[in-house]
Amino acid sequence: MATKASEHDTADPVEGKAHEAMNRAAQTAGKAEEYARQHASHADERVREVAAHGRQRADDLLERVTGHVREKPLLSIGIAFVAGVLYSSLRRRR
């Protein structure tokens, strides 16, 4: 029976160290999760800002083009025609 007692005495410190290691791993994982959440939140905010800025620039450009077409409709039609001819010639070469 002395062997069983010595095995139990040896198992307790090993079990304690295993629990300590698990606790440290859990703490590290918790910190990593918090870090990832913070950075994901910042990235999400940045993506939304860039998307809003892109939408605003597209709206501004559309407004400028629309104004130009209203001011100079014949020139706009000519530019569109030339662009179409160039596009068609480039597509035929392929």
Protein backbone atom coordinates (compact mmCIF):
# COMPACT_ATOMS: atom_id res chain seq x y z
CA MET A 1 0.00 0.00 0.00
CA ALA A 2 2.96 2.30 0.36
CA THR A 3 3.26 2.37 -3.42
CA LYS A 4 -0.30 3.69 -3.84
CA ALA A 5 0.34 6.51 -1.37
CA SER A 6 3.57 7.55 -3.11
CA GLU A 7 1.80 7.52 -6.48
CA HIS A 8 -0.91 9.75 -5.02
CA ASP A 9 1.70 12.11 -3.58
CA THR A 10 3.39 12.34 -6.99
CA ALA A 11 0.13 12.80 -8.87
CA ASP A 12 -1.02 15.80 -6.79
CA PRO A 13 1.87 18.13 -7.75
CA VAL A 14 1.63 17.03 -11.39
CA GLU A 15 -2.11 17.65 -11.37
CA GLY A 16 -1.58 21.05 -9.77
CA LYS A 17 0.99 22.02 -12.38
CA ALA A 18 -1.34 20.84 -15.13
CA HIS A 19 -4.12 23.02 -13.72
CA GLU A 20 -1.75 25.99 -13.51
CA ALA A 21 -0.69 25.46 -17.12
CA MET A 22 -4.33 25.26 -18.22
CA ASN A 23 -5.17 28.45 -16.32
CA ARG A 24 -2.25 30.29 -17.93
CA ALA A 25 -3.29 29.01 -21.36
CA ALA A 26 -6.88 30.14 -20.74
CA GLN A 27 -5.69 33.59 -19.66
CA THR A 28 -3.47 33.90 -22.72
CA ALA A 29 -6.30 32.78 -24.98
CA GLY A 30 -8.60 35.31 -23.31
CA LYS A 31 -6.12 38.11 -23.92
CA ALA A 32 -5.65 37.01 -27.53
CA GLU A 33 -9.41 36.94 -28.03
CA GLU A 34 -9.80 40.44 -26.60
CA TYR A 35 -6.94 41.70 -28.80
CA ALA A 36 -8.55 40.13 -31.88
CA ARG A 37 -11.96 41.59 -31.02
CA GLN A 38 -10.52 45.08 -30.57
CA HIS A 39 -8.65 44.96 -33.86
CA ALA A 40 -11.65 43.50 -35.68
CA SER A 41 -13.78 46.32 -34.31
CA HIS A 42 -11.26 48.93 -35.47
CA ALA A 43 -11.01 47.29 -38.88
CA ASP A 44 -14.80 47.25 -39.19
CA GLU A 45 -14.98 50.95 -38.36
CA ARG A 46 -12.23 51.74 -40.88
CA VAL A 47 -13.95 49.72 -43.63
CA ARG A 48 -17.20 51.57 -42.98
CA GLU A 49 -15.40 54.94 -43.12
CA VAL A 50 -13.65 54.07 -46.38
CA ALA A 51 -16.90 52.76 -47.90
CA ALA A 52 -18.75 55.94 -46.93
CA HIS A 53 -15.94 58.04 -48.40
CA GLY A 54 -16.02 55.98 -51.61
CA ARG A 55 -19.79 56.38 -51.91
CA GLN A 56 -19.45 60.12 -51.40
CA ARG A 57 -16.77 60.40 -54.09
CA ALA A 58 -18.86 58.32 -56.52
CA ASP A 59 -21.88 60.55 -55.86
CA ASP A 60 -19.77 63.67 -56.43
CA LEU A 61 -18.37 62.28 -59.68
CA LEU A 62 -21.83 61.29 -60.90
CA GLU A 63 -23.08 64.77 -60.12
CA ARG A 64 -20.19 66.36 -62.04
CA VAL A 65 -20.69 64.09 -65.07
CA THR A 66 -24.43 64.71 -65.07
CA GLY A 67 -23.83 68.46 -64.93
CA HIS A 68 -21.32 68.26 -67.79
CA VAL A 69 -23.72 66.23 -69.95
CA ARG A 70 -26.52 68.75 -69.32
CA GLU A 71 -24.25 71.69 -70.16
CA LYS A 72 -22.70 70.15 -73.30
CA PRO A 73 -24.89 67.33 -74.63
CA LEU A 74 -23.40 67.17 -78.14
CA LEU A 75 -19.83 67.04 -76.87
CA SER A 76 -20.86 64.28 -74.44
CA ILE A 77 -22.42 62.25 -77.24
CA GLY A 78 -19.25 62.69 -79.33
CA ILE A 79 -17.04 61.56 -76.44
CA ALA A 80 -19.27 58.52 -75.88
CA PHE A 81 -19.12 57.65 -79.58
CA VAL A 82 -15.31 57.89 -79.70
CA ALA A 83 -15.01 55.81 -76.53
CA GLY A 84 -17.28 53.16 -78.05
CA VAL A 85 -15.25 53.05 -81.27
CA LEU A 86 -11.99 52.68 -79.31
CA TYR A 87 -13.48 49.98 -77.13
CA SER A 88 -14.77 48.06 -80.13
CA SER A 89 -11.42 48.22 -81.92
CA LEU A 90 -9.60 46.99 -78.83
CA ARG A 91 -12.05 44.10 -78.39
CA ARG A 92 -11.65 43.02 -82.03
CA ARG A 93 -7.89 42.67 -81.66
CA ARG A 94 -8.27 39.90 -79.09
